[in-house]
Protein backbone atom coordinates (compact mmCIF):
# COMPACT_ATOMS: atom_id res chain seq x y z
CA LEU A 1 0.00 0.00 0.00
CA SER A 2 1.11 3.55 -0.70
CA GLU A 3 1.35 6.23 1.99
CA LEU A 4 -1.78 7.81 0.50
CA GLU A 5 -3.70 4.52 0.66
CA ARG A 6 -2.62 4.12 4.31
CA GLN A 7 -3.84 7.68 4.93
CA ASN A 8 -0.37 8.79 6.03
CA ASN A 9 0.07 12.48 5.35
CA ILE A 10 3.70 12.78 4.21
CA VAL A 11 3.32 16.43 3.18
CA THR A 12 2.17 18.16 6.39
CA LEU A 13 2.35 15.20 8.81
CA ASP A 14 -1.09 16.20 10.18
CA ALA A 15 0.52 19.08 12.06
CA PRO A 16 -1.93 21.60 13.49
CA HIS A 17 0.02 24.57 12.08
CA LEU A 18 2.11 25.39 9.03
CA LEU A 19 4.61 28.19 8.50
CA ILE A 20 5.45 29.08 4.91
CA GLY A 21 8.54 31.18 4.16
CA ILE A 22 8.17 33.25 1.00
CA GLY A 23 10.34 35.85 -0.65
CA PRO A 24 10.87 37.69 -3.91
CA ARG A 25 11.88 35.72 -6.98
CA ALA A 26 14.39 38.35 -8.07
CA GLY A 27 15.77 41.77 -7.25
CA LYS A 28 17.14 41.06 -3.78
CA MET A 29 20.57 39.85 -2.70
CA ASN A 30 19.72 36.30 -1.66
CA PRO A 31 16.07 35.68 -0.75
CA TYR A 32 16.54 31.91 -0.42
CA THR A 33 19.28 32.23 2.20
CA ASP A 34 17.50 35.03 4.06
CA THR A 35 14.27 33.02 4.26
CA VAL A 36 15.99 29.82 5.38
CA ILE A 37 17.93 31.69 8.08
CA ALA A 38 14.67 33.21 9.36
CA LEU A 39 12.94 29.82 9.39
CA ARG A 40 15.88 28.24 11.24
CA ASP A 41 15.74 30.97 13.88
CA ILE A 42 12.02 30.32 14.32
CA ASP A 43 12.75 26.59 14.52
CA LEU A 44 15.21 27.17 17.38
CA LEU A 45 12.80 29.53 19.17
CA PHE A 46 9.94 27.04 18.92
CA HIS A 47 12.06 24.20 20.27
CA SER A 48 13.15 26.35 23.21
CA ARG A 49 9.43 26.74 24.03
CA GLY A 50 8.64 23.02 23.74
CA ILE A 51 7.01 23.33 20.33
CA GLY A 52 7.92 20.59 17.88
CA THR A 53 8.80 21.42 14.28
CA CYS A 54 9.38 19.53 11.08
CA TRP A 55 10.69 21.08 7.88
CA ALA A 56 8.22 20.46 5.05
CA GLY A 57 10.21 20.45 1.82
CA TYR A 58 7.50 18.54 -0.02
CA LEU A 59 5.00 21.25 0.88
CA ALA A 60 7.29 24.04 -0.36
CA ASN A 61 7.81 22.24 -3.68
CA LEU A 62 4.10 21.46 -3.97
CA ILE A 63 3.07 25.08 -3.43
CA ASN A 64 5.61 26.34 -5.96
CA ALA A 65 4.35 23.82 -8.54
CA SER A 66 0.62 24.41 -8.04
CA LEU A 67 -1.10 27.53 -9.34
CA GLU A 68 -4.24 26.49 -7.44
CA LEU A 69 -2.44 26.29 -4.09
CA ARG A 70 -0.63 29.57 -4.73
CA ALA A 71 -3.98 31.25 -5.46
CA TYR A 72 -5.62 29.66 -2.40
CA LEU A 73 -2.78 30.89 -0.17
CA GLY A 74 -2.68 34.33 -1.82
CA ILE A 75 0.94 34.04 -2.98
CA PRO A 76 1.48 36.37 -5.95
CA ALA A 77 3.50 35.31 -9.00
CA ASP A 78 6.48 37.52 -8.09
CA LEU A 79 7.04 35.61 -4.82
CA GLN A 80 8.39 32.10 -4.30
CA VAL A 81 8.17 29.65 -1.42
CA TYR A 82 11.68 29.02 -0.11
CA GLY A 83 10.77 26.85 2.86
CA ALA A 84 7.90 25.48 4.93
CA MET A 85 7.61 24.10 8.42
CA ALA A 86 4.95 22.12 10.26
CA PHE A 87 4.73 22.85 13.98
CA GLY A 88 2.76 22.19 17.11
CA TYR A 89 3.02 20.76 20.61
CA PRO A 90 4.19 17.13 20.36
CA ASP A 91 1.88 14.32 21.48
CA ASN A 92 3.14 11.75 23.97
CA GLU A 93 6.45 13.48 24.58
CA THR A 94 7.71 13.52 28.13
CA TYR A 95 10.65 15.91 27.68
CA GLN A 96 11.23 19.18 25.90
CA ARG A 97 14.93 18.66 25.32
CA LEU A 98 17.04 15.70 24.34
CA PRO A 99 17.58 13.42 27.33
CA TYR A 100 21.03 13.54 28.92
CA LYS A 101 22.91 10.33 28.24
CA GLY A 102 26.16 11.07 30.05
CA ASN A 103 29.54 11.84 28.63
CA PRO A 104 30.65 9.56 25.80
CA PRO A 105 34.01 7.87 26.26
CA VAL A 106 36.81 9.76 24.52
CA GLN A 107 40.18 8.27 23.74
CA TRP A 108 43.06 10.59 22.89
CA LYS A 109 45.94 9.17 20.91
């Protein structure tokens, strides 16, 4: 069975919220890098607040390829999606940070 037939949402992962990073197609120094840096900063901020995130590259590509989705989201033709992120409070998670596993053994030679 395919992911679609199993009703597994591989695009947005059934996240309650989506963040879409858009920028100009041309005319600026580096809109891709600027947008990705902004999304990464948001990613770090969310994690510090216990909010889970997952980068959604499929969603970014899907929006850029679909005139219908672009129209639905109100994204004009002179802008492009450079990144997307699903986010929300994780289910069944008992910690907000990675668990401490002690210091790994280090051998100096």
